[in-house]
Amino acid sequence: MNDPVQDIVVFFETLTPEAIVHCGDIYAADARFKDPFNDVRGVPAIQAIYRHMFTALDAPRFVVRERIIQGGQCFLTWDFHFRFKTQQPGVDQTIHGGSHLQLDASGRITLHRDYWDAAEELYEKLPVVGGLMRWLKRRANS
């Protein structure tokens, strides 16, 4: 018996540019994907996000840390490892986040909502923007 959540985890952890064509195996045709930068609907739009990820970043990969499953939904915590191609090339980066997934009766994702702090996990790591973000954070906390 197939475990849809396990299949989803394996898909994310082994995602390659070539595997993007198989998004329809884990996403429903009209699935919605939302993260701090995107809000799209449909498998072709979701595939475009993953294609852009591989174009914009070096060696992107997900490592799923935990999963909470309840009925037709689950929450995955993950680490996203990558390197910027232009800013600090060769320096390993990690974003810590989570994904809320709602699944249909066949185990395909109908809603994929990513939660992660773009300011802390991404902007603070950029050379020029990072200094400004850290300064703003200190000011807000004082």
N, C-alpha and C. Protein backbone atom coordinates (compact mmCIF):
# COMPACT_ATOMS: atom_id res chain seq x y z
N MET A 1 0.83 -1.18 0.00
CA MET A 1 0.00 0.00 0.00
C MET A 1 0.88 1.25 0.00
N ASN A 2 0.60 2.16 -0.92
CA ASN A 2 1.38 3.39 -1.03
C ASN A 2 1.02 4.36 0.08
N ASP A 3 2.02 5.06 0.55
CA ASP A 3 1.86 6.11 1.54
C ASP A 3 2.06 7.43 0.81
N PRO A 4 0.98 8.19 0.54
CA PRO A 4 1.12 9.41 -0.25
C PRO A 4 2.09 10.42 0.36
N VAL A 5 2.11 10.56 1.68
CA VAL A 5 3.02 11.52 2.30
C VAL A 5 4.46 11.08 2.10
N GLN A 6 4.74 9.80 2.23
CA GLN A 6 6.10 9.30 1.98
C GLN A 6 6.49 9.55 0.52
N ASP A 7 5.57 9.32 -0.41
CA ASP A 7 5.85 9.58 -1.82
C ASP A 7 6.17 11.06 -2.05
N ILE A 8 5.45 11.94 -1.38
CA ILE A 8 5.68 13.39 -1.49
C ILE A 8 7.06 13.75 -0.93
N VAL A 9 7.39 13.20 0.24
CA VAL A 9 8.69 13.47 0.86
C VAL A 9 9.82 13.02 -0.07
N VAL A 10 9.70 11.82 -0.61
CA VAL A 10 10.73 11.31 -1.53
C VAL A 10 10.84 12.22 -2.75
N PHE A 11 9.71 12.67 -3.29
CA PHE A 11 9.73 13.56 -4.44
C PHE A 11 10.53 14.82 -4.13
N PHE A 12 10.22 15.47 -3.00
CA PHE A 12 10.91 16.70 -2.65
C PHE A 12 12.39 16.48 -2.37
N GLU A 13 12.72 15.42 -1.67
CA GLU A 13 14.12 15.18 -1.30
C GLU A 13 14.98 14.74 -2.47
N THR A 14 14.37 14.25 -3.54
CA THR A 14 15.14 13.77 -4.70
C THR A 14 14.87 14.63 -5.94
N LEU A 15 14.27 15.79 -5.75
CA LEU A 15 13.89 16.65 -6.87
C LEU A 15 15.10 17.07 -7.70
N THR A 16 14.99 16.89 -9.00
CA THR A 16 16.01 17.31 -9.95
C THR A 16 15.30 18.08 -11.06
N PRO A 17 16.04 18.81 -11.88
CA PRO A 17 15.39 19.49 -13.01
C PRO A 17 14.62 18.51 -13.91
N GLU A 18 15.14 17.31 -14.08
CA GLU A 18 14.47 16.31 -14.92
C GLU A 18 13.19 15.79 -14.29
N ALA A 19 13.12 15.77 -12.97
CA ALA A 19 11.95 15.22 -12.26
C ALA A 19 10.76 16.20 -12.22
N ILE A 20 10.99 17.44 -12.58
CA ILE A 20 9.92 18.44 -12.51
C ILE A 20 8.73 18.03 -13.38
N VAL A 21 8.97 17.32 -14.47
CA VAL A 21 7.87 16.88 -15.34
C VAL A 21 6.90 15.96 -14.61
N HIS A 22 7.32 15.40 -13.49
CA HIS A 22 6.48 14.47 -12.73
C HIS A 22 5.69 15.15 -11.60
N CYS A 23 5.67 16.47 -11.57
CA CYS A 23 4.90 17.18 -10.52
C CYS A 23 3.44 16.74 -10.49
N GLY A 24 2.88 16.40 -11.65
CA GLY A 24 1.49 15.95 -11.70
C GLY A 24 1.25 14.64 -10.97
N ASP A 25 2.32 13.93 -10.63
CA ASP A 25 2.17 12.69 -9.85
C ASP A 25 1.85 13.00 -8.39
N ILE A 26 2.27 14.18 -7.90
CA ILE A 26 2.01 14.49 -6.49
C ILE A 26 1.08 15.69 -6.30
N TYR A 27 0.90 16.50 -7.35
CA TYR A 27 0.01 17.66 -7.28
C TYR A 27 -1.26 17.39 -8.09
N ALA A 28 -2.41 17.81 -7.55
CA ALA A 28 -3.66 17.79 -8.31
C ALA A 28 -3.56 18.82 -9.42
N ALA A 29 -4.31 18.65 -10.48
CA ALA A 29 -4.22 19.51 -11.66
C ALA A 29 -4.41 20.99 -11.32
N ASP A 30 -5.31 21.29 -10.38
CA ASP A 30 -5.59 22.70 -10.04
C ASP A 30 -5.02 23.09 -8.68
N ALA A 31 -3.95 22.43 -8.27
CA ALA A 31 -3.34 22.68 -6.96
C ALA A 31 -2.88 24.14 -6.85
N ARG A 32 -2.93 24.64 -5.63
CA ARG A 32 -2.43 25.99 -5.34
C ARG A 32 -1.12 25.87 -4.58
N PHE A 33 -0.14 26.71 -4.96
CA PHE A 33 1.15 26.78 -4.29
C PHE A 33 1.35 28.21 -3.84
N LYS A 34 1.68 28.40 -2.56
CA LYS A 34 1.91 29.74 -2.03
C LYS A 34 3.12 29.71 -1.11
N ASP A 35 4.02 30.68 -1.33
CA ASP A 35 5.17 30.88 -0.45
C ASP A 35 5.39 32.38 -0.33
N PRO A 36 6.44 32.84 0.34
CA PRO A 36 6.61 34.30 0.49
C PRO A 36 6.76 35.07 -0.83
N PHE A 37 7.04 34.39 -1.94
CA PHE A 37 7.25 35.08 -3.21
C PHE A 37 6.25 34.71 -4.30
N ASN A 38 5.50 33.64 -4.13
CA ASN A 38 4.64 33.13 -5.20
C ASN A 38 3.26 32.79 -4.66
N ASP A 39 2.29 32.89 -5.53
CA ASP A 39 0.93 32.41 -5.26
C ASP A 39 0.36 32.01 -6.61
N VAL A 40 0.45 30.71 -6.92
CA VAL A 40 0.06 30.23 -8.24
C VAL A 40 -0.90 29.05 -8.11
N ARG A 41 -1.55 28.76 -9.23
CA ARG A 41 -2.48 27.63 -9.28
C ARG A 41 -2.20 26.83 -10.55
N GLY A 42 -2.21 25.52 -10.39
CA GLY A 42 -2.04 24.61 -11.52
C GLY A 42 -0.63 24.04 -11.62
N VAL A 43 -0.56 22.82 -12.11
CA VAL A 43 0.72 22.11 -12.20
C VAL A 43 1.73 22.86 -13.08
N PRO A 44 1.35 23.40 -14.25
CA PRO A 44 2.36 24.12 -15.06
C PRO A 44 2.99 25.31 -14.31
N ALA A 45 2.20 26.05 -13.55
CA ALA A 45 2.73 27.20 -12.79
C ALA A 45 3.64 26.72 -11.67
N ILE A 46 3.30 25.61 -11.02
CA ILE A 46 4.14 25.05 -9.96
C ILE A 46 5.46 24.55 -10.56
N GLN A 47 5.38 23.90 -11.70
CA GLN A 47 6.59 23.44 -12.38
C GLN A 47 7.51 24.62 -12.70
N ALA A 48 6.93 25.74 -13.11
CA ALA A 48 7.73 26.92 -13.44
C ALA A 48 8.50 27.43 -12.22
N ILE A 49 7.89 27.35 -11.04
CA ILE A 49 8.59 27.76 -9.81
C ILE A 49 9.80 26.86 -9.55
N TYR A 50 9.60 25.56 -9.69
CA TYR A 50 10.73 24.64 -9.47
C TYR A 50 11.80 24.81 -10.54
N ARG A 51 11.41 25.04 -11.80
CA ARG A 51 12.40 25.28 -12.84
C ARG A 51 13.23 26.53 -12.52
N HIS A 52 12.55 27.58 -12.07
CA HIS A 52 13.25 28.82 -11.72
C HIS A 52 14.22 28.57 -10.56
N MET A 53 13.81 27.75 -9.60
CA MET A 53 14.69 27.44 -8.47
C MET A 53 16.00 26.84 -8.96
N PHE A 54 15.93 25.91 -9.90
CA PHE A 54 17.14 25.28 -10.41
C PHE A 54 17.95 26.21 -11.30
N THR A 55 17.30 27.17 -11.93
CA THR A 55 17.99 28.15 -12.76
C THR A 55 18.71 29.19 -11.91
N ALA A 56 18.05 29.63 -10.84
CA ALA A 56 18.56 30.74 -10.02
C ALA A 56 19.59 30.31 -8.97
N LEU A 57 19.56 29.05 -8.56
CA LEU A 57 20.40 28.59 -7.45
C LEU A 57 21.27 27.41 -7.86
N ASP A 58 22.39 27.25 -7.17
CA ASP A 58 23.24 26.08 -7.35
C ASP A 58 22.89 25.03 -6.30
N ALA A 59 22.78 23.80 -6.75
CA ALA A 59 22.61 22.63 -5.88
C ALA A 59 21.46 22.77 -4.87
N PRO A 60 20.27 23.21 -5.30
CA PRO A 60 19.16 23.28 -4.34
C PRO A 60 18.66 21.88 -3.98
N ARG A 61 18.39 21.69 -2.70
CA ARG A 61 17.83 20.39 -2.26
C ARG A 61 17.11 20.56 -0.94
N PHE A 62 16.08 19.76 -0.77
CA PHE A 62 15.28 19.77 0.46
C PHE A 62 15.61 18.55 1.30
N VAL A 63 15.63 18.75 2.61
CA VAL A 63 15.73 17.65 3.57
C VAL A 63 14.55 17.80 4.52
N VAL A 64 13.63 16.85 4.46
CA VAL A 64 12.46 16.90 5.33
C VAL A 64 12.86 16.39 6.70
N ARG A 65 12.59 17.19 7.73
CA ARG A 65 12.99 16.86 9.10
C ARG A 65 11.89 16.15 9.88
N GLU A 66 10.69 16.67 9.78
CA GLU A 66 9.58 16.09 10.55
C GLU A 66 8.31 16.15 9.72
N ARG A 67 7.36 15.30 10.08
CA ARG A 67 6.06 15.33 9.43
C ARG A 67 4.97 15.07 10.46
N ILE A 68 3.92 15.84 10.33
CA ILE A 68 2.74 15.66 11.17
C ILE A 68 1.59 15.41 10.21
N ILE A 69 0.91 14.30 10.38
CA ILE A 69 -0.16 13.91 9.46
C ILE A 69 -1.46 13.79 10.24
N GLN A 70 -2.49 14.41 9.69
CA GLN A 70 -3.82 14.30 10.30
C GLN A 70 -4.85 14.32 9.18
N GLY A 71 -5.50 13.19 9.00
CA GLY A 71 -6.51 13.09 7.95
C GLY A 71 -5.91 13.39 6.59
N GLY A 72 -6.56 14.30 5.85
CA GLY A 72 -6.12 14.64 4.51
C GLY A 72 -5.15 15.80 4.44
N GLN A 73 -4.40 16.01 5.50
CA GLN A 73 -3.41 17.09 5.46
C GLN A 73 -2.17 16.69 6.26
N CYS A 74 -1.10 17.41 5.98
CA CYS A 74 0.12 17.17 6.75
C CYS A 74 0.93 18.46 6.81
N PHE A 75 1.83 18.49 7.75
CA PHE A 75 2.77 19.60 7.88
C PHE A 75 4.16 19.00 7.90
N LEU A 76 5.00 19.49 7.00
CA LEU A 76 6.39 19.03 6.92
C LEU A 76 7.31 20.15 7.35
N THR A 77 8.27 19.85 8.20
CA THR A 77 9.35 20.81 8.46
C THR A 77 10.54 20.37 7.62
N TRP A 78 11.29 21.34 7.12
CA TRP A 78 12.37 21.02 6.20
C TRP A 78 13.49 22.03 6.30
N ASP A 79 14.63 21.60 5.78
CA ASP A 79 15.77 22.48 5.54
C ASP A 79 15.98 22.51 4.03
N PHE A 80 16.15 23.71 3.50
CA PHE A 80 16.42 23.89 2.09
C PHE A 80 17.87 24.34 1.95
N HIS A 81 18.67 23.50 1.34
CA HIS A 81 20.10 23.77 1.16
C HIS A 81 20.34 24.23 -0.27
N PHE A 82 21.22 25.23 -0.42
CA PHE A 82 21.51 25.77 -1.74
C PHE A 82 22.74 26.66 -1.66
N ARG A 83 23.18 27.12 -2.82
CA ARG A 83 24.20 28.15 -2.93
C ARG A 83 23.70 29.19 -3.93
N PHE A 84 23.95 30.46 -3.63
CA PHE A 84 23.63 31.51 -4.59
C PHE A 84 24.59 31.39 -5.76
N LYS A 85 24.11 31.71 -6.95
CA LYS A 85 25.00 31.68 -8.12
C LYS A 85 25.83 32.95 -8.22
N THR A 86 25.27 34.09 -7.80
CA THR A 86 25.99 35.35 -7.96
C THR A 86 26.46 35.94 -6.63
N GLN A 87 25.63 35.94 -5.61
CA GLN A 87 25.99 36.48 -4.30
C GLN A 87 26.66 35.38 -3.49
N GLN A 88 27.86 35.58 -3.07
CA GLN A 88 28.60 34.61 -2.25
C GLN A 88 28.60 33.21 -2.89
N PRO A 89 29.00 33.11 -4.16
CA PRO A 89 29.00 31.78 -4.80
C PRO A 89 29.90 30.82 -4.03
N GLY A 90 29.46 29.59 -3.95
CA GLY A 90 30.24 28.57 -3.25
C GLY A 90 29.98 28.49 -1.77
N VAL A 91 29.24 29.46 -1.20
CA VAL A 91 28.94 29.44 0.23
C VAL A 91 27.61 28.71 0.44
N ASP A 92 27.63 27.65 1.22
CA ASP A 92 26.41 26.89 1.50
C ASP A 92 25.43 27.72 2.32
N GLN A 93 24.18 27.68 1.93
CA GLN A 93 23.10 28.40 2.61
C GLN A 93 22.03 27.40 3.03
N THR A 94 21.30 27.72 4.07
CA THR A 94 20.19 26.88 4.51
C THR A 94 19.03 27.76 4.94
N ILE A 95 17.85 27.39 4.48
CA ILE A 95 16.61 28.03 4.93
C ILE A 95 15.82 26.96 5.68
N HIS A 96 15.35 27.31 6.87
CA HIS A 96 14.52 26.41 7.66
C HIS A 96 13.07 26.82 7.47
N GLY A 97 12.20 25.86 7.18
CA GLY A 97 10.81 26.22 6.95
C GLY A 97 9.88 25.05 7.14
N GLY A 98 8.65 25.28 6.76
CA GLY A 98 7.63 24.25 6.87
C GLY A 98 6.62 24.40 5.75
N SER A 99 5.96 23.30 5.43
CA SER A 99 4.94 23.28 4.39
C SER A 99 3.68 22.63 4.93
N HIS A 100 2.56 23.35 4.76
CA HIS A 100 1.25 22.79 5.06
C HIS A 100 0.71 22.25 3.74
N LEU A 101 0.39 20.97 3.71
CA LEU A 101 -0.13 20.33 2.51
C LEU A 101 -1.52 19.78 2.78
N GLN A 102 -2.45 20.08 1.88
CA GLN A 102 -3.77 19.46 1.91
C GLN A 102 -3.83 18.49 0.74
N LEU A 103 -4.32 17.29 1.00
CA LEU A 103 -4.33 16.23 0.00
C LEU A 103 -5.76 15.86 -0.39
N ASP A 104 -5.94 15.49 -1.65
CA ASP A 104 -7.26 15.02 -2.08
C ASP A 104 -7.38 13.52 -1.76
N ALA A 105 -8.49 12.92 -2.15
CA ALA A 105 -8.75 11.52 -1.83
C ALA A 105 -7.73 10.58 -2.47
N SER A 106 -7.09 10.99 -3.55
CA SER A 106 -6.08 10.14 -4.19
C SER A 106 -4.67 10.40 -3.66
N GLY A 107 -4.54 11.31 -2.68
CA GLY A 107 -3.25 11.58 -2.07
C GLY A 107 -2.43 12.65 -2.77
N ARG A 108 -3.04 13.34 -3.73
CA ARG A 108 -2.33 14.43 -4.41
C ARG A 108 -2.52 15.75 -3.67
N ILE A 109 -1.53 16.61 -3.76
CA ILE A 109 -1.55 17.90 -3.08
C ILE A 109 -2.53 18.84 -3.78
N THR A 110 -3.47 19.40 -3.01
CA THR A 110 -4.38 20.41 -3.55
C THR A 110 -3.98 21.81 -3.08
N LEU A 111 -3.33 21.89 -1.92
CA LEU A 111 -2.81 23.14 -1.39
C LEU A 111 -1.43 22.89 -0.82
N HIS A 112 -0.47 23.70 -1.25
CA HIS A 112 0.91 23.63 -0.75
C HIS A 112 1.26 25.05 -0.30
N ARG A 113 1.33 25.23 1.01
CA ARG A 113 1.63 26.56 1.56
C ARG A 113 2.92 26.47 2.35
N ASP A 114 3.95 27.19 1.88
CA ASP A 114 5.24 27.21 2.56
C ASP A 114 5.30 28.36 3.54
N TYR A 115 5.88 28.07 4.70
CA TYR A 115 6.08 29.08 5.74
C TYR A 115 7.57 29.14 6.07
N TRP A 116 8.16 30.31 5.85
CA TRP A 116 9.53 30.56 6.27
C TRP A 116 9.73 32.06 6.29
N ASP A 117 10.68 32.48 7.09
CA ASP A 117 10.93 33.90 7.31
C ASP A 117 11.90 34.41 6.26
N ALA A 118 11.37 35.08 5.23
CA ALA A 118 12.22 35.56 4.14
C ALA A 118 13.27 36.56 4.64
N ALA A 119 12.91 37.39 5.62
CA ALA A 119 13.87 38.38 6.13
C ALA A 119 15.06 37.69 6.79
N GLU A 120 14.79 36.81 7.73
CA GLU A 120 15.87 36.14 8.47
C GLU A 120 16.58 35.10 7.62
N GLU A 121 15.82 34.30 6.91
CA GLU A 121 16.39 33.15 6.23
C GLU A 121 17.01 33.48 4.87
N LEU A 122 16.64 34.61 4.27
CA LEU A 122 17.17 34.93 2.96
C LEU A 122 17.81 36.31 2.89
N TYR A 123 17.04 37.35 3.17
CA TYR A 123 17.55 38.71 2.99
C TYR A 123 18.77 39.01 3.86
N GLU A 124 18.78 38.51 5.10
CA GLU A 124 19.92 38.77 5.98
C GLU A 124 21.21 38.12 5.48
N LYS A 125 21.09 37.17 4.55
CA LYS A 125 22.27 36.48 4.04
C LYS A 125 22.88 37.18 2.83
N LEU A 126 22.18 38.16 2.29
CA LEU A 126 22.68 38.89 1.14
C LEU A 126 23.60 40.01 1.61
N PRO A 127 24.72 40.25 0.92
CA PRO A 127 25.71 41.22 1.41
C PRO A 127 25.15 42.61 1.71
N VAL A 128 24.59 43.30 0.77
CA VAL A 128 24.14 44.68 1.00
C VAL A 128 22.82 44.71 1.76
N VAL A 129 21.87 43.96 1.27
CA VAL A 129 20.55 43.93 1.91
C VAL A 129 20.64 43.36 3.32
N GLY A 130 21.51 42.37 3.51
CA GLY A 130 21.65 41.73 4.81
C GLY A 130 22.04 42.70 5.91
N GLY A 131 22.98 43.59 5.61
CA GLY A 131 23.39 44.58 6.61
C GLY A 131 22.23 45.48 7.00
N LEU A 132 21.45 45.90 6.02
CA LEU A 132 20.28 46.73 6.30
C LEU A 132 19.25 45.96 7.12
N MET A 133 18.99 44.72 6.76
CA MET A 133 18.00 43.91 7.49
C MET A 133 18.42 43.69 8.94
N ARG A 134 19.72 43.42 9.16
CA ARG A 134 20.20 43.20 10.53
C ARG A 134 20.09 44.50 11.34
N TRP A 135 20.40 45.64 10.70
CA TRP A 135 20.28 46.93 11.38
C TRP A 135 18.82 47.21 11.74
N LEU A 136 17.90 46.95 10.82
CA LEU A 136 16.47 47.15 11.09
C LEU A 136 15.99 46.24 12.22
N LYS A 137 16.47 45.03 12.24
CA LYS A 137 16.09 44.08 13.29
C LYS A 137 16.57 44.56 14.65
N ARG A 138 17.83 45.04 14.71
CA ARG A 138 18.35 45.56 15.98
C ARG A 138 17.54 46.77 16.45
N ARG A 139 17.21 47.67 15.52
CA ARG A 139 16.42 48.86 15.86
C ARG A 139 15.02 48.47 16.37
N ALA A 140 14.42 47.49 15.73
CA ALA A 140 13.08 47.07 16.14
C ALA A 140 13.09 46.39 17.51
N ASN A 141 14.20 45.75 17.84
CA ASN A 141 14.31 45.02 19.11
C ASN A 141 14.82 45.89 20.26
N SER A 142 15.22 47.13 19.97
CA SER A 142 15.77 47.97 21.05
C SER A 142 14.72 48.88 21.64
